[in-house]
Amino acid sequence: MKQSFAATLREGKLVWRVLNYEAPENARFRNDYQIQSSCVVLADARPNRPGVAKNLQQKVEKLADDKEGFQKYLRDEIENFLK
């Protein structure tokens, strides 16, 4: 994903963050995004769009053994989210 969105990451329009959802200091994320296990969450952190987020957990779990399918799904979801 970092290659597919290199320019967007460099421009700061997209941030890739890995968080331990079980860590006490990340409880807010666990609650805000209904995280129950390892997953991908797209969240818009701009001040004028509070609470805009999409948890991709269900589809990500289905694609866990399909690397190409997972990458395509993630690319498509990120592109749509950035629109």
Protein backbone atom coordinates (compact mmCIF):
# COMPACT_ATOMS: atom_id res chain seq x y z
CA MET A 1 0.00 0.00 0.00
CA LYS A 2 2.84 2.36 0.74
CA GLN A 3 3.95 2.12 -2.90
CA SER A 4 0.43 2.55 -4.31
CA PHE A 5 -0.12 5.71 -2.28
CA ALA A 6 3.46 7.02 -2.04
CA ALA A 7 2.61 10.53 -3.31
CA THR A 8 -0.50 10.78 -1.14
CA LEU A 9 1.51 9.70 1.92
CA ARG A 10 4.31 12.12 1.09
CA GLU A 11 1.79 15.00 0.73
CA GLY A 12 0.30 14.16 4.13
CA LYS A 13 -3.15 13.46 2.67
CA LEU A 14 -2.89 9.89 3.94
CA VAL A 15 -1.25 8.64 7.13
CA TRP A 16 -0.48 4.97 7.74
CA ARG A 17 -0.53 4.14 11.45
CA VAL A 18 -0.20 0.82 13.21
CA LEU A 19 -1.68 0.72 16.71
CA ASN A 20 -1.94 -1.99 19.33
CA TYR A 21 -5.70 -1.93 19.95
CA GLU A 22 -5.23 -3.86 23.21
CA ALA A 23 -2.93 -1.23 24.77
CA PRO A 24 -4.68 0.85 27.44
CA GLU A 25 -3.58 4.10 25.81
CA ASN A 26 -5.44 3.08 22.63
CA ALA A 27 -8.77 2.30 24.30
CA ARG A 28 -10.30 5.35 22.60
CA PHE A 29 -9.67 3.85 19.17
CA ARG A 30 -11.02 0.46 20.25
CA ASN A 31 -14.25 2.13 21.39
CA ASP A 32 -14.60 4.73 18.62
CA TYR A 33 -14.10 2.25 15.79
CA GLN A 34 -15.58 -0.91 17.40
CA ILE A 35 -12.29 -2.80 17.09
CA GLN A 36 -12.47 -6.38 18.35
CA SER A 37 -9.43 -7.91 16.65
CA SER A 38 -6.67 -6.97 14.22
CA CYS A 39 -8.20 -4.92 11.45
CA VAL A 40 -7.91 -1.97 9.10
CA VAL A 41 -9.75 1.25 9.90
CA LEU A 42 -9.95 4.22 7.56
CA ALA A 43 -10.50 7.40 9.57
CA ASP A 44 -10.69 10.99 8.41
CA ALA A 45 -8.74 13.05 10.94
CA ARG A 46 -9.46 16.47 9.43
CA PRO A 47 -11.09 18.83 11.95
CA ASN A 48 -14.09 19.47 9.70
CA ARG A 49 -14.90 15.73 9.40
CA PRO A 50 -14.97 14.33 12.94
CA GLY A 51 -16.19 10.78 13.25
CA VAL A 52 -15.94 9.91 9.55
CA ALA A 53 -14.51 6.39 9.57
CA LYS A 54 -14.90 2.94 8.10
CA ASN A 55 -13.86 -0.30 9.78
CA LEU A 56 -12.87 -2.87 7.15
CA GLN A 57 -12.56 -5.79 9.57
CA GLN A 58 -15.21 -8.15 8.14
CA LYS A 59 -13.98 -8.06 4.54
CA VAL A 60 -10.31 -8.06 5.62
CA GLU A 61 -10.88 -11.27 7.58
CA LYS A 62 -12.43 -12.92 4.49
CA LEU A 63 -9.43 -11.91 2.38
CA ALA A 64 -6.78 -12.92 4.92
CA ASP A 65 -5.52 -15.77 2.72
CA ASP A 66 -5.82 -13.83 -0.57
CA LYS A 67 -2.95 -11.33 -0.65
CA GLU A 68 -3.79 -9.98 -4.11
CA GLY A 69 -7.50 -9.70 -3.32
CA PHE A 70 -6.73 -8.03 0.00
CA GLN A 71 -4.43 -5.47 -1.62
CA LYS A 72 -6.96 -4.67 -4.35
CA TYR A 73 -9.76 -4.30 -1.80
CA LEU A 74 -7.65 -2.05 0.40
CA ARG A 75 -6.54 0.10 -2.56
CA ASP A 76 -10.15 0.51 -3.74
CA GLU A 77 -11.40 1.37 -0.25
CA ILE A 78 -8.65 3.93 0.32
CA GLU A 79 -9.22 5.54 -3.09
CA ASN A 80 -12.96 5.82 -2.40
CA PHE A 81 -12.36 7.15 1.10
CA LEU A 82 -10.03 9.87 -0.20
CA LYS A 83 -12.65 11.20 -2.64
